[in-house]
Protein backbone atom coordinates (compact mmCIF):
# COMPACT_ATOMS: atom_id res chain seq x y z
CA UNK A 1 117.87 -176.49 -44.00
CA UNK A 2 120.14 -173.56 -42.86
CA UNK A 3 121.04 -170.92 -45.51
CA UNK A 4 124.25 -169.57 -45.31
CA UNK A 5 125.23 -166.37 -46.98
CA UNK A 6 128.91 -166.08 -48.66
CA UNK A 7 130.47 -162.69 -49.19
CA UNK A 8 133.52 -162.87 -51.04
CA UNK A 9 134.99 -161.41 -54.45
CA UNK A 10 137.10 -163.93 -55.39
CA UNK A 11 134.69 -165.74 -57.95
CA UNK A 12 136.48 -169.25 -57.94
CA UNK A 13 137.27 -169.19 -54.14
CA UNK A 14 133.58 -168.28 -53.54
CA UNK A 15 131.96 -171.38 -55.67
CA UNK A 16 134.53 -173.85 -54.15
CA UNK A 17 133.25 -172.76 -50.54
CA UNK A 18 129.58 -172.87 -52.40
CA UNK A 19 130.12 -176.47 -53.33
CA UNK A 20 131.16 -178.20 -50.18
CA UNK A 21 128.90 -176.43 -48.02
CA UNK A 22 126.28 -177.46 -49.95
CA UNK A 23 127.43 -181.15 -49.92
CA UNK A 24 127.43 -180.61 -46.04
CA UNK A 25 123.65 -179.94 -46.75
CA UNK A 26 123.50 -176.58 -46.34
CA UNK A 27 121.55 -173.76 -48.76
CA UNK A 28 123.80 -171.32 -50.52
CA UNK A 29 123.19 -167.49 -51.38
CA UNK A 30 126.38 -165.27 -52.59
CA UNK A 31 127.25 -161.52 -52.59
CA UNK A 32 130.34 -160.60 -54.38
CA UNK A 33 131.38 -157.72 -51.74
CA UNK A 34 130.72 -156.40 -48.16
CA UNK A 35 128.64 -153.57 -49.67
CA UNK A 36 125.90 -156.27 -50.73
CA UNK A 37 125.60 -157.86 -47.56
CA UNK A 38 123.18 -155.49 -46.15
CA UNK A 39 121.09 -155.62 -49.35
CA UNK A 40 120.96 -159.30 -49.29
CA UNK A 41 119.94 -159.80 -46.00
CA UNK A 42 117.20 -157.51 -46.37
CA UNK A 43 115.58 -159.70 -49.08
CA UNK A 44 115.83 -163.29 -47.41
CA UNK A 45 116.79 -164.80 -44.27
CA UNK A 46 120.21 -166.29 -43.50
CA UNK A 47 120.98 -167.88 -40.53
CA UNK A 48 124.77 -167.84 -40.82
CA UNK A 49 127.26 -165.26 -43.22
CA UNK A 50 130.53 -166.34 -44.32
CA UNK A 51 132.85 -163.55 -45.13
CA UNK A 52 135.87 -163.12 -46.56
CA UNK A 53 138.08 -159.88 -45.05
CA UNK A 54 139.66 -158.41 -47.87
CA UNK A 55 137.34 -157.33 -50.36
CA UNK A 56 137.40 -154.72 -52.99
CA UNK A 57 135.07 -152.00 -52.42
CA UNK A 58 134.13 -152.67 -48.57
CA UNK A 59 136.42 -155.33 -46.53
CA UNK A 60 134.81 -157.24 -44.07
CA UNK A 61 135.35 -155.65 -40.96
CA UNK A 62 133.29 -152.71 -42.38
CA UNK A 63 130.59 -154.97 -43.40
CA UNK A 64 130.46 -156.41 -40.06
CA UNK A 65 130.51 -153.02 -38.31
CA UNK A 66 127.70 -151.68 -40.78
CA UNK A 67 125.92 -154.74 -39.92
CA UNK A 68 126.43 -153.90 -35.78
CA UNK A 69 124.63 -150.47 -36.23
CA UNK A 70 121.88 -151.65 -37.85
CA UNK A 71 120.81 -154.41 -35.46
CA UNK A 72 121.19 -157.15 -37.80
CA UNK A 73 121.75 -160.36 -35.54
CA UNK A 74 123.11 -162.70 -37.67
CA UNK A 75 126.12 -164.56 -36.54
CA UNK A 76 129.60 -164.11 -39.00
CA UNK A 77 132.14 -166.42 -39.87
CA UNK A 78 134.79 -164.37 -41.52
CA UNK A 79 137.90 -165.73 -43.57
CA UNK A 80 140.90 -164.18 -43.88
CA UNK A 81 144.85 -165.35 -44.92
CA UNK A 82 147.15 -167.44 -42.50
CA UNK A 83 149.24 -164.47 -42.08
CA UNK A 84 146.54 -161.97 -41.09
CA UNK A 85 144.94 -163.58 -38.19
CA UNK A 86 145.36 -160.18 -36.31
CA UNK A 87 142.62 -158.88 -38.48
CA UNK A 88 140.29 -162.01 -37.87
CA UNK A 89 140.57 -161.01 -33.92
CA UNK A 90 139.90 -157.50 -34.71
CA UNK A 91 136.97 -158.60 -37.03
CA UNK A 92 135.76 -160.69 -33.54
CA UNK A 93 136.31 -157.96 -31.68
CA UNK A 94 133.57 -156.08 -33.92
CA UNK A 95 131.28 -158.55 -33.26
CA UNK A 96 132.40 -161.77 -35.50
CA UNK A 97 131.62 -164.92 -34.00
CA UNK A 98 134.81 -167.55 -35.56
CA UNK A 99 137.21 -166.97 -38.15
CA UNK A 100 138.96 -169.57 -40.06
CA UNK A 101 141.89 -169.69 -42.21
CA UNK A 102 143.20 -169.99 -46.26
CA UNK A 103 144.03 -171.82 -47.36
CA UNK A 104 140.63 -173.08 -46.28
CA UNK A 105 140.74 -177.05 -44.66
CA UNK A 106 136.92 -177.75 -45.33
CA UNK A 107 136.71 -179.88 -42.08
CA UNK A 108 137.77 -177.51 -40.32
CA UNK A 109 135.43 -175.37 -41.91
CA UNK A 110 132.32 -177.65 -41.51
CA UNK A 111 133.23 -177.66 -37.86
CA UNK A 112 133.03 -174.07 -37.66
CA UNK A 113 130.32 -173.32 -39.15
CA UNK A 114 127.89 -176.39 -37.54
CA UNK A 115 129.82 -174.81 -34.10
CA UNK A 116 128.88 -171.29 -34.47
CA UNK A 117 124.90 -172.39 -35.99
CA UNK A 118 124.60 -174.67 -32.32
CA UNK A 119 125.67 -171.70 -30.62
CA UNK A 120 122.97 -169.26 -32.73
CA UNK A 121 120.16 -171.97 -32.23
CA UNK A 122 120.85 -171.98 -27.55
CA UNK A 123 121.18 -168.14 -27.93
CA UNK A 124 117.79 -168.29 -29.60
CA UNK A 125 116.24 -170.70 -27.17
CA UNK A 126 117.91 -168.78 -24.52
CA UNK A 127 115.86 -165.76 -25.99
CA UNK A 128 113.20 -167.02 -26.34
CA UNK A 129 113.06 -168.96 -22.57
CA UNK A 130 113.41 -165.61 -21.05
CA UNK A 131 110.56 -164.29 -23.00
CA UNK A 132 108.60 -166.90 -22.29
CA UNK A 133 109.62 -165.86 -18.51
CA UNK A 134 108.87 -162.38 -18.85
CA UNK A 135 105.01 -163.62 -20.45
CA UNK A 136 103.75 -165.97 -18.05
CA UNK A 137 105.05 -164.62 -14.66
CA UNK A 138 105.70 -161.21 -14.62
CA UNK A 139 101.88 -160.97 -13.75
CA UNK A 140 101.30 -163.49 -11.74
CA UNK A 141 102.05 -162.38 -8.30
CA UNK A 142 105.45 -163.74 -8.25
CA UNK A 143 107.76 -160.78 -7.38
CA UNK A 144 111.37 -160.81 -7.06
CA UNK A 145 114.51 -160.41 -9.42
CA UNK A 146 117.07 -161.69 -7.27
CA UNK A 147 119.48 -163.88 -8.24
CA UNK A 148 117.61 -166.71 -6.29
CA UNK A 149 114.25 -165.67 -7.64
CA UNK A 150 115.68 -165.46 -11.23
CA UNK A 151 116.78 -169.15 -10.70
CA UNK A 152 113.49 -169.73 -9.70
CA UNK A 153 112.32 -168.80 -12.61
CA UNK A 154 114.61 -170.54 -14.90
CA UNK A 155 113.26 -173.39 -13.32
CA UNK A 156 109.97 -172.97 -13.45
CA UNK A 157 109.89 -172.18 -17.30
CA UNK A 158 111.45 -175.22 -17.82
CA UNK A 159 109.33 -177.32 -15.69
CA UNK A 160 105.57 -176.15 -15.98
CA UNK A 161 105.01 -177.39 -19.22
CA UNK A 162 105.74 -181.19 -18.35
CA UNK A 163 103.99 -183.54 -16.85
CA UNK A 164 106.60 -184.07 -13.72
CA UNK A 165 105.76 -184.44 -10.13
CA UNK A 166 106.83 -181.57 -8.16
CA UNK A 167 108.02 -181.26 -4.82
CA UNK A 168 108.32 -177.39 -3.74
CA UNK A 169 110.14 -176.82 -0.46
CA UNK A 170 110.30 -173.86 1.46
CA UNK A 171 109.67 -172.31 4.79
CA UNK A 172 105.77 -171.36 6.12
CA UNK A 173 105.06 -168.11 4.46
CA UNK A 174 107.02 -168.19 1.03
CA UNK A 175 104.65 -168.68 -1.15
CA UNK A 176 104.19 -172.55 -1.90
CA UNK A 177 101.28 -171.86 -3.02
CA UNK A 178 101.22 -169.27 -5.75
CA UNK A 179 104.17 -171.24 -7.22
CA UNK A 180 101.87 -174.58 -7.55
CA UNK A 181 98.93 -172.27 -9.54
CA UNK A 182 101.89 -170.97 -11.63
CA UNK A 183 102.84 -174.75 -12.21
CA UNK A 184 99.58 -175.71 -13.26
CA UNK A 185 98.45 -172.18 -15.13
CA UNK A 186 101.38 -172.40 -17.33
CA UNK A 187 101.10 -176.23 -18.25
CA UNK A 188 99.37 -178.31 -20.39
CA UNK A 189 96.77 -179.01 -18.25
CA UNK A 190 95.97 -175.40 -17.34
CA UNK A 191 92.21 -175.38 -19.08
CA UNK A 192 91.70 -178.32 -16.17
CA UNK A 193 91.21 -178.14 -12.97
CA UNK A 194 93.19 -177.53 -10.13
CA UNK A 195 92.13 -178.95 -6.87
CA UNK A 196 94.66 -177.84 -3.64
CA UNK A 197 94.32 -180.05 -0.72
CA UNK A 198 95.98 -178.77 2.80
CA UNK A 199 97.29 -182.02 4.53
CA UNK A 200 98.01 -180.75 7.88
CA UNK A 201 94.61 -179.45 8.39
CA UNK A 202 92.93 -182.69 8.30
CA UNK A 203 93.11 -185.71 10.58
CA UNK A 204 94.07 -189.33 9.37
CA UNK A 205 90.52 -190.05 7.98
CA UNK A 206 89.04 -186.55 6.68
CA UNK A 207 91.99 -186.60 4.89
CA UNK A 208 91.78 -190.36 3.21
CA UNK A 209 88.50 -189.28 2.50
CA UNK A 210 89.25 -186.01 0.90
CA UNK A 211 91.82 -187.32 -1.56
CA UNK A 212 90.19 -190.65 -2.17
CA UNK A 213 86.62 -190.56 -1.85
CA UNK A 214 84.06 -192.58 -0.12
CA UNK A 215 80.77 -194.77 -0.68
CA UNK A 216 77.86 -194.67 0.75
CA UNK A 217 78.24 -196.32 4.15
CA UNK A 218 81.78 -196.19 4.47
CA UNK A 219 81.80 -194.47 7.62
CA UNK A 220 79.62 -192.38 10.18
CA UNK A 221 77.78 -189.66 8.48
CA UNK A 222 78.81 -191.00 5.38
CA UNK A 223 74.97 -190.83 3.73
CA UNK A 224 76.17 -190.05 -0.08
CA UNK A 225 78.87 -191.68 -2.81
CA UNK A 226 81.25 -188.64 -2.52
CA UNK A 227 84.26 -188.18 -5.13
CA UNK A 228 87.79 -187.55 -4.01
CA UNK A 229 89.92 -184.45 -4.74
CA UNK A 230 91.86 -187.49 -7.06
CA UNK A 231 88.96 -187.69 -8.94
CA UNK A 232 88.17 -184.54 -9.15
CA UNK A 233 91.42 -183.29 -10.40
CA UNK A 234 91.83 -185.96 -12.94
CA UNK A 235 93.21 -184.23 -16.25
CA UNK A 236 94.08 -181.98 -14.27
CA UNK A 237 96.53 -180.52 -11.26
CA UNK A 238 96.36 -181.68 -7.89
CA UNK A 239 98.46 -179.58 -5.05
CA UNK A 240 98.90 -181.50 -1.69
CA UNK A 241 100.32 -178.93 0.90
CA UNK A 242 102.04 -180.07 3.59
CA UNK A 243 102.74 -183.61 2.72
CA UNK A 244 104.43 -184.10 5.07
CA UNK A 245 102.18 -184.11 7.68
CA UNK A 246 100.18 -187.38 6.43
CA UNK A 247 100.04 -190.60 7.81
CA UNK A 248 101.75 -193.72 6.77
CA UNK A 249 98.58 -195.06 5.28
CA UNK A 250 98.14 -192.06 3.18
CA UNK A 251 101.58 -192.07 2.30
CA UNK A 252 100.93 -195.94 0.64
CA UNK A 253 98.02 -194.80 -1.04
CA UNK A 254 99.05 -192.15 -2.70
CA UNK A 255 102.11 -193.98 -4.20
CA UNK A 256 99.64 -196.37 -5.73
CA UNK A 257 98.37 -193.73 -7.36
CA UNK A 258 101.76 -192.30 -8.45
CA UNK A 259 102.98 -195.78 -9.56
CA UNK A 260 99.73 -197.16 -11.30
CA UNK A 261 97.51 -194.03 -11.90
CA UNK A 262 94.66 -195.98 -9.22
CA UNK A 263 92.81 -195.32 -6.17
CA UNK A 264 89.46 -197.12 -4.73
CA UNK A 265 87.08 -195.48 -2.52
CA UNK A 266 87.08 -195.58 1.18
CA UNK A 267 84.26 -198.59 1.32
CA UNK A 268 84.42 -199.43 -2.05
CA UNK A 269 85.95 -202.01 -4.05
CA UNK A 270 85.82 -200.87 -7.92
CA UNK A 271 89.28 -199.52 -9.02
CA UNK A 272 89.25 -195.48 -10.46
CA UNK A 273 91.53 -194.60 -12.86
CA UNK A 274 92.77 -191.39 -12.45
CA UNK A 275 95.20 -188.96 -14.75
CA UNK A 276 96.67 -186.30 -12.58
CA UNK A 277 99.95 -184.41 -12.05
CA UNK A 278 100.74 -183.58 -8.44
CA UNK A 279 102.66 -180.84 -7.26
CA UNK A 280 103.62 -181.36 -3.35
CA UNK A 281 104.70 -178.76 -1.04
CA UNK A 282 106.18 -179.45 2.37
CA UNK A 283 108.02 -177.08 4.80
CA UNK A 284 109.40 -180.09 6.75
CA UNK A 285 112.77 -182.07 5.88
CA UNK A 286 111.69 -184.56 3.95
CA UNK A 287 115.14 -186.18 3.74
CA UNK A 288 114.98 -186.48 7.42
CA UNK A 289 111.74 -188.19 8.03
CA UNK A 290 113.20 -190.49 5.61
CA UNK A 291 116.34 -191.50 7.84
CA UNK A 292 113.70 -191.26 11.01
CA UNK A 293 110.90 -193.59 8.87
CA UNK A 294 108.20 -191.30 9.45
CA UNK A 295 108.32 -190.77 5.68
CA UNK A 296 108.19 -193.20 2.92
CA UNK A 297 111.22 -193.16 0.67
CA UNK A 298 109.37 -194.38 -2.24
CA UNK A 299 107.11 -192.20 -1.95
CA UNK A 300 109.74 -189.32 -1.40
CA UNK A 301 111.77 -190.68 -4.41
CA UNK A 302 108.47 -190.24 -6.43
CA UNK A 303 107.50 -186.80 -5.14
CA UNK A 304 110.87 -185.44 -5.68
CA UNK A 305 110.88 -185.76 -9.53
CA UNK A 306 111.98 -182.10 -9.98
CA UNK A 307 112.57 -180.65 -6.40
CA UNK A 308 112.18 -176.68 -5.85
CA UNK A 309 113.17 -174.31 -3.35
CA UNK A 310 111.78 -171.17 -2.59
CA UNK A 311 114.28 -168.93 -0.77
CA UNK A 312 112.83 -167.53 2.47
CA UNK A 313 112.77 -163.26 2.45
CA UNK A 314 115.83 -163.42 4.68
CA UNK A 315 117.82 -164.46 1.15
CA UNK A 316 116.11 -162.29 -0.81
CA UNK A 317 115.95 -158.88 0.56
CA UNK A 318 116.95 -157.26 -2.83
CA UNK A 319 112.79 -157.82 -3.41
CA UNK A 320 111.39 -156.51 0.07
CA UNK A 321 110.93 -152.89 -1.83
CA UNK A 322 108.95 -154.38 -4.53
CA UNK A 323 107.35 -156.57 -2.90
CA UNK A 324 106.06 -153.91 0.06
CA UNK A 325 104.99 -151.57 -2.75
CA UNK A 326 102.75 -154.57 -4.37
CA UNK A 327 101.36 -155.02 -1.16
CA UNK A 328 100.88 -151.20 -0.26
CA UNK A 329 99.27 -150.50 -3.51
CA UNK A 330 96.65 -154.09 -2.64
CA UNK A 331 96.02 -153.03 1.12
CA UNK A 332 95.79 -148.82 0.13
CA UNK A 333 92.81 -149.27 -2.47
CA UNK A 334 91.17 -151.88 -0.21
CA UNK A 335 91.41 -149.42 2.69
CA UNK A 336 90.43 -146.28 0.36
CA UNK A 337 93.70 -144.88 1.31
CA UNK A 338 95.69 -142.71 -0.85
CA UNK A 339 99.23 -143.12 0.36
CA UNK A 340 102.12 -142.46 -1.75
CA UNK A 341 105.34 -145.02 -1.14
CA UNK A 342 107.40 -145.65 1.79
CA UNK A 343 109.62 -143.60 3.01
CA UNK A 344 113.27 -144.49 3.49
CA UNK A 345 113.94 -145.25 6.77
CA UNK A 346 110.74 -147.37 6.57
CA UNK A 347 111.94 -149.59 3.74
CA UNK A 348 115.45 -150.01 5.90
CA UNK A 349 114.06 -150.98 8.23
CA UNK A 350 112.06 -153.58 6.40
CA UNK A 351 115.28 -154.85 4.52
CA UNK A 352 116.95 -155.66 7.94
CA UNK A 353 114.52 -157.59 9.62
CA UNK A 354 114.64 -161.11 9.05
CA UNK A 355 111.19 -162.30 8.61
CA UNK A 356 110.70 -165.41 10.26
CA UNK A 357 106.97 -165.57 8.57
CA UNK A 358 108.35 -164.35 5.09
CA UNK A 359 106.30 -163.04 2.40
CA UNK A 360 103.34 -163.81 4.63
CA UNK A 361 104.57 -161.80 7.20
CA UNK A 362 105.21 -158.88 5.41
CA UNK A 363 102.44 -158.84 3.92
CA UNK A 364 100.32 -158.51 7.39
CA UNK A 365 103.00 -156.15 8.42
CA UNK A 366 101.80 -154.20 4.97
CA UNK A 367 98.16 -154.17 6.08
CA UNK A 368 98.72 -153.40 9.52
CA UNK A 369 100.69 -150.36 8.16
CA UNK A 370 98.59 -148.47 5.82
CA UNK A 371 95.21 -149.04 8.31
CA UNK A 372 97.32 -146.89 10.61
CA UNK A 373 98.76 -144.65 8.24
CA UNK A 374 97.48 -141.24 8.23
CA UNK A 375 99.96 -139.44 5.85
CA UNK A 376 100.85 -140.40 2.53
CA UNK A 377 104.20 -142.22 3.58
CA UNK A 378 104.55 -145.33 5.47
CA UNK A 379 107.12 -144.86 7.92
CA UNK A 380 108.90 -146.26 10.97
CA UNK A 381 105.83 -145.36 13.40
CA UNK A 382 103.24 -147.36 11.57
CA UNK A 383 105.70 -150.91 11.39
CA UNK A 384 105.03 -153.59 13.85
CA UNK A 385 107.35 -152.83 17.22
CA UNK A 386 109.40 -155.69 16.79
CA UNK A 387 110.96 -154.21 13.63
CA UNK A 388 111.69 -150.92 15.24
CA UNK A 389 114.77 -151.46 17.79
CA UNK A 390 113.73 -149.09 20.93
CA UNK A 391 116.51 -146.76 20.44
CA UNK A 392 115.26 -145.93 17.23
CA UNK A 393 114.99 -142.28 15.77
CA UNK A 394 112.87 -141.11 13.07
CA UNK A 395 113.43 -138.69 11.19
CA UNK A 396 110.18 -136.85 9.43
CA UNK A 397 110.82 -135.71 6.20
CA UNK A 398 107.88 -134.71 3.16
CA UNK A 399 110.32 -137.49 0.96
CA UNK A 400 108.41 -139.62 -1.71
CA UNK A 401 110.16 -142.94 -1.93
CA UNK A 402 108.38 -145.43 -4.36
CA UNK A 403 108.55 -149.19 -4.20
CA UNK A 404 110.99 -150.83 -6.42
CA UNK A 405 113.79 -149.38 -6.14
CA UNK A 406 117.24 -150.95 -5.37
CA UNK A 407 117.87 -150.98 -1.48
CA UNK A 408 121.27 -148.89 -2.36
CA UNK A 409 119.12 -146.41 -3.82
CA UNK A 410 117.17 -146.31 -0.95
CA UNK A 411 119.93 -146.69 1.74
CA UNK A 412 121.87 -143.35 -0.20
CA UNK A 413 118.32 -141.53 0.02
CA UNK A 414 117.90 -142.21 3.76
CA UNK A 415 121.13 -141.07 4.69
CA UNK A 416 121.11 -138.37 2.73
CA UNK A 417 117.73 -136.94 4.10
CA UNK A 418 119.08 -138.31 7.50
CA UNK A 419 122.25 -135.80 7.17
CA UNK A 420 120.20 -133.23 6.54
CA UNK A 421 117.86 -133.50 9.26
CA UNK A 422 120.60 -133.64 11.90
CA UNK A 423 122.45 -130.56 10.05
CA UNK A 424 125.96 -133.28 9.01
CA UNK A 425 126.00 -134.92 12.68
CA UNK A 426 127.67 -138.09 11.69
CA UNK A 427 126.98 -139.36 14.82
CA UNK A 428 123.28 -138.72 15.64
CA UNK A 429 122.81 -139.56 11.94
CA UNK A 430 124.62 -143.15 12.28
CA UNK A 431 122.88 -143.42 15.76
CA UNK A 432 119.56 -142.75 13.89
CA UNK A 433 120.05 -145.17 10.98
CA UNK A 434 120.99 -147.68 13.31
CA UNK A 435 124.99 -148.28 12.11
CA UNK A 436 128.18 -147.53 12.85
CA UNK A 437 130.14 -144.26 12.69
CA UNK A 438 132.83 -145.53 10.95
CA UNK A 439 130.19 -147.64 8.42
CA UNK A 440 128.05 -144.38 7.79
CA UNK A 441 131.53 -142.31 7.07
CA UNK A 442 132.24 -145.88 4.27
CA UNK A 443 129.03 -145.08 2.67
CA UNK A 444 129.05 -141.26 2.50
CA UNK A 445 132.36 -141.71 0.30
CA UNK A 446 130.49 -145.01 -1.47
CA UNK A 447 127.80 -142.84 -2.45
CA UNK A 448 129.38 -139.87 -2.88
CA UNK A 449 127.23 -137.81 -0.82
């Protein structure tokens, strides 16, 4: 039962509000003036405060300001005379959620109270979701705070606890297996098996045996019974990577498992029941394959109950500094190198590159740079040649740039450093940075350099 605090110095009016809201199913507590709000809610939790604006010792606006000052999140609905709507607007500017006017229409009051409580519940759910996102995904090597990744995190937090079949779409190297692992480890099945199969790595016969198992003598070399990955993953999660690379025959068998929860091993006739959550991934366009007749439409619909799109790295360049720093720390430790960070020019080159191999290519590039680096910073000299233009002029600077900075900060620091090295020569600075002179001038103004 939701608890409402009614704050009003008019006892008769307070009783009228109390009687009607009690009839609507709310628990009511009372305070006779604005100065009693904080002491009252300090003693007992309330879900909503219904407060008159004009009171003798402390008016409603002052009470709202006191609530805000003390960090109290309780929603407030104010009650004001019809002629004093301006005061209600002022109260809302101070933090009130809504208002009702005197004489109070009880039905309108009930609607306003219900709306305020529902809004507060949604806000609480959103806060809990964000907390859950932080707890569950921040430390699982899923790095990124770009808008595309924030949207992805929200989807993951919503679908991970369910048993829904998930289809992860994304280019090679975008981290599909990592996302599948996060879905499993944040699900109700997290204590159960997480089994992975790369469908593109096996030919048709081997893939069927791998997925469904086989009986002794099912084919040449089958000298004993073997359970398939579906059986091994039962009660847990099965991740099928590159599902677009399997034959029509295998597709039909997977469809049966999804529809009926049962299978037969190769060479066997016993029906085996399995309870598996399926997460599939592909870099191919399954819609296009359905139109071409190379992928079953009914299986596609079964797989894509919840489709997840992984953005390529070129669409989330804001995340490159943090990703690069993560890989730098990993490979510096592995190679026992004391490397502090990246030179701004190196980070700018990383940000400008198109990354056809996505995160996998970034990781390999940073590992290479760490191995080649002899100083305390990764500079353009250690980056792969395809990332550095032929006419690129490097600037040496004893400057420590830590990963995880915004690209704007990196760019500003790179411009400042290069201007210092060229004694303020804008044409040379623009050439070194690989941008037009007018673009440089605009950025100098924008960054206040």
